[in-house]
Amino acid sequence: MYPIPVIEISKEIYDVFEENLVEEIKRPKEWCKPIGMEVISEFMLPKFLSEGELKLTEKEIDTLYRKCLAELGITSLKEKGLVDIIENENGEEIVFLTSEGKELNKKLGQ
């Protein structure tokens, strides 16, 4: 659970992003919102804890939008069985093609 100020600003930011994210990902709003909210809240929490302020620069807004788009895309592909995620020894997530994803990649490459 995130602090209330983080949740509030995350909702405001998501509301601005929502139409474009839904259009780009081509999934329902109800599917996109929890994923987008988690990405935004996770991004905003360190700002809240270190700075106490929840303001974003133009570059941070762009970065945050791209993070939302990437997470939504990866989650969609994972649900379709085309990619999966593992954690490496440094705790970083690694996205890779599944056998189904590799097969589709072959078909699309021809």
C-alpha atoms as a PDB file:
ATOM      1  CA  MET A   1       0.000   0.000   0.000  1.00  0.00           C
ATOM      2  CA  TYR A   2       1.235   3.460  -0.874  1.00  0.00           C
ATOM      3  CA  PRO A   3       0.865   6.676   1.147  1.00  0.00           C
ATOM      4  CA  ILE A   4      -2.304   8.615   0.333  1.00  0.00           C
ATOM      5  CA  PRO A   5      -0.474  11.521  -1.389  1.00  0.00           C
ATOM      6  CA  VAL A   6       1.256   9.028  -3.717  1.00  0.00           C
ATOM      7  CA  ILE A   7      -2.039   7.324  -4.537  1.00  0.00           C
ATOM      8  CA  GLU A   8      -3.748  10.646  -5.206  1.00  0.00           C
ATOM      9  CA  ILE A   9      -1.065  11.979  -7.559  1.00  0.00           C
ATOM     10  CA  SER A  10      -0.802   8.575  -9.251  1.00  0.00           C
ATOM     11  CA  LYS A  11      -4.534   8.691 -10.022  1.00  0.00           C
ATOM     12  CA  GLU A  12      -4.177  12.177 -11.488  1.00  0.00           C
ATOM     13  CA  ILE A  13      -1.233  11.141 -13.645  1.00  0.00           C
ATOM     14  CA  TYR A  14      -2.926   7.931 -14.768  1.00  0.00           C
ATOM     15  CA  ASP A  15      -6.071   9.850 -15.747  1.00  0.00           C
ATOM     16  CA  VAL A  16      -3.935  11.987 -18.068  1.00  0.00           C
ATOM     17  CA  PHE A  17      -2.217   8.918 -19.577  1.00  0.00           C
ATOM     18  CA  GLU A  18      -5.222   6.581 -19.736  1.00  0.00           C
ATOM     19  CA  GLU A  19      -6.751   7.398 -23.112  1.00  0.00           C
ATOM     20  CA  ASN A  20      -3.451   7.110 -24.962  1.00  0.00           C
ATOM     21  CA  LEU A  21      -2.361   3.965 -23.111  1.00  0.00           C
ATOM     22  CA  VAL A  22      -5.660   2.186 -23.786  1.00  0.00           C
ATOM     23  CA  GLU A  23      -5.514   3.220 -27.440  1.00  0.00           C
ATOM     24  CA  GLU A  24      -1.914   2.045 -27.892  1.00  0.00           C
ATOM     25  CA  ILE A  25      -2.258  -1.242 -25.988  1.00  0.00           C
ATOM     26  CA  LYS A  26      -5.751  -1.988 -27.342  1.00  0.00           C
ATOM     27  CA  ARG A  27      -6.965  -3.415 -24.038  1.00  0.00           C
ATOM     28  CA  PRO A  28      -9.905  -2.283 -21.868  1.00  0.00           C
ATOM     29  CA  LYS A  29      -9.481   0.535 -19.364  1.00  0.00           C
ATOM     30  CA  GLU A  30     -10.272  -1.875 -16.538  1.00  0.00           C
ATOM     31  CA  TRP A  31      -7.347  -4.072 -17.555  1.00  0.00           C
ATOM     32  CA  CYS A  32      -4.878  -1.191 -17.999  1.00  0.00           C
ATOM     33  CA  LYS A  33      -5.636   0.837 -14.879  1.00  0.00           C
ATOM     34  CA  PRO A  34      -4.244  -1.416 -12.099  1.00  0.00           C
ATOM     35  CA  ILE A  35      -1.036  -2.021 -14.034  1.00  0.00           C
ATOM     36  CA  GLY A  36      -0.575   1.644 -14.908  1.00  0.00           C
ATOM     37  CA  MET A  37      -1.368   2.749 -11.355  1.00  0.00           C
ATOM     38  CA  GLU A  38       1.214   0.348  -9.926  1.00  0.00           C
ATOM     39  CA  VAL A  39       3.924   1.598 -12.304  1.00  0.00           C
ATOM     40  CA  ILE A  40       3.158   5.229 -11.503  1.00  0.00           C
ATOM     41  CA  SER A  41       2.910   4.683  -7.735  1.00  0.00           C
ATOM     42  CA  GLU A  42       6.181   2.759  -7.719  1.00  0.00           C
ATOM     43  CA  PHE A  43       7.820   5.636  -9.615  1.00  0.00           C
ATOM     44  CA  MET A  44       6.381   8.326  -7.331  1.00  0.00           C
ATOM     45  CA  LEU A  45       7.087   6.666  -3.962  1.00  0.00           C
ATOM     46  CA  PRO A  46      10.851   7.387  -3.886  1.00  0.00           C
ATOM     47  CA  LYS A  47      10.173  11.017  -4.839  1.00  0.00           C
ATOM     48  CA  PHE A  48       7.707  11.295  -1.969  1.00  0.00           C
ATOM     49  CA  LEU A  49      10.063   9.656   0.522  1.00  0.00           C
ATOM     50  CA  SER A  50      13.187  11.592  -0.464  1.00  0.00           C
ATOM     51  CA  GLU A  51      11.832  14.961  -1.547  1.00  0.00           C
ATOM     52  CA  GLY A  52       8.392  15.114   0.001  1.00  0.00           C
ATOM     53  CA  GLU A  53       7.263  16.672  -3.262  1.00  0.00           C
ATOM     54  CA  LEU A  54       5.451  14.961  -6.061  1.00  0.00           C
ATOM     55  CA  LYS A  55       6.352  17.182  -8.986  1.00  0.00           C
ATOM     56  CA  LEU A  56       7.646  15.774 -12.269  1.00  0.00           C
ATOM     57  CA  THR A  57       9.877  17.261 -14.900  1.00  0.00           C
ATOM     58  CA  GLU A  58       8.934  16.955 -18.554  1.00  0.00           C
ATOM     59  CA  LYS A  59      11.596  14.263 -18.946  1.00  0.00           C
ATOM     60  CA  GLU A  60      10.215  12.314 -15.966  1.00  0.00           C
ATOM     61  CA  ILE A  61       6.694  12.485 -17.407  1.00  0.00           C
ATOM     62  CA  ASP A  62       7.981  11.059 -20.681  1.00  0.00           C
ATOM     63  CA  THR A  63       9.931   8.341 -18.848  1.00  0.00           C
ATOM     64  CA  LEU A  64       6.928   7.456 -16.715  1.00  0.00           C
ATOM     65  CA  TYR A  65       4.609   7.212 -19.719  1.00  0.00           C
ATOM     66  CA  ARG A  66       7.098   4.922 -21.473  1.00  0.00           C
ATOM     67  CA  LYS A  67       7.399   2.740 -18.348  1.00  0.00           C
ATOM     68  CA  CYS A  68       3.607   2.376 -18.245  1.00  0.00           C
ATOM     69  CA  LEU A  69       3.475   1.519 -21.927  1.00  0.00           C
ATOM     70  CA  ALA A  70       6.288  -1.034 -21.592  1.00  0.00           C
ATOM     71  CA  GLU A  71       4.762  -2.727 -18.541  1.00  0.00           C
ATOM     72  CA  LEU A  72       1.340  -2.920 -20.177  1.00  0.00           C
ATOM     73  CA  GLY A  73       2.852  -4.358 -23.355  1.00  0.00           C
ATOM     74  CA  ILE A  74       4.942  -6.946 -21.524  1.00  0.00           C
ATOM     75  CA  THR A  75       2.006  -7.971 -19.324  1.00  0.00           C
ATOM     76  CA  SER A  76      -0.206  -8.378 -22.396  1.00  0.00           C
ATOM     77  CA  LEU A  77       2.404 -10.516 -24.160  1.00  0.00           C
ATOM     78  CA  LYS A  78       2.923 -12.575 -21.001  1.00  0.00           C
ATOM     79  CA  GLU A  79      -0.813 -13.260 -20.720  1.00  0.00           C
ATOM     80  CA  LYS A  80      -0.757 -14.462 -24.328  1.00  0.00           C
ATOM     81  CA  GLY A  81       2.133 -16.816 -23.487  1.00  0.00           C
ATOM     82  CA  LEU A  82       4.566 -15.093 -25.855  1.00  0.00           C
ATOM     83  CA  VAL A  83       7.047 -13.862 -23.226  1.00  0.00           C
ATOM     84  CA  ASP A  84       7.975 -14.726 -19.680  1.00  0.00           C
ATOM     85  CA  ILE A  85      10.030 -13.036 -16.988  1.00  0.00           C
ATOM     86  CA  ILE A  86      12.811 -14.297 -14.745  1.00  0.00           C
ATOM     87  CA  GLU A  87      14.914 -12.513 -12.168  1.00  0.00           C
ATOM     88  CA  ASN A  88      18.690 -12.527 -12.588  1.00  0.00           C
ATOM     89  CA  GLU A  89      21.267 -12.725  -9.797  1.00  0.00           C
ATOM     90  CA  ASN A  90      21.142  -8.926  -9.392  1.00  0.00           C
ATOM     91  CA  GLY A  91      17.379  -8.962  -8.837  1.00  0.00           C
ATOM     92  CA  GLU A  92      16.660  -7.445 -12.248  1.00  0.00           C
ATOM     93  CA  GLU A  93      13.774  -8.744 -14.307  1.00  0.00           C
ATOM     94  CA  ILE A  94      14.711 -10.313 -17.636  1.00  0.00           C
ATOM     95  CA  VAL A  95      12.008 -10.654 -20.292  1.00  0.00           C
ATOM     96  CA  PHE A  96      12.444 -13.471 -22.803  1.00  0.00           C
ATOM     97  CA  LEU A  97      10.487 -15.112 -25.609  1.00  0.00           C
ATOM     98  CA  THR A  98       8.757 -18.371 -24.767  1.00  0.00           C
ATOM     99  CA  SER A  99       8.702 -21.216 -27.288  1.00  0.00           C
ATOM    100  CA  GLU A 100       5.338 -19.854 -28.509  1.00  0.00           C
ATOM    101  CA  GLY A 101       6.888 -16.398 -28.849  1.00  0.00           C
ATOM    102  CA  LYS A 102       9.849 -17.791 -30.777  1.00  0.00           C
ATOM    103  CA  GLU A 103       7.499 -19.685 -33.087  1.00  0.00           C
ATOM    104  CA  LEU A 104       5.471 -16.548 -33.771  1.00  0.00           C
ATOM    105  CA  ASN A 105       8.666 -14.603 -34.336  1.00  0.00           C
ATOM    106  CA  LYS A 106       9.737 -17.141 -36.965  1.00  0.00           C
ATOM    107  CA  LYS A 107       6.371 -16.901 -38.707  1.00  0.00           C
ATOM    108  CA  LEU A 108       6.443 -13.103 -38.724  1.00  0.00           C
ATOM    109  CA  GLY A 109      10.033 -13.032 -39.930  1.00  0.00           C
ATOM    110  CA  GLN A 110       9.208 -14.937 -43.125  1.00  0.00           C
END
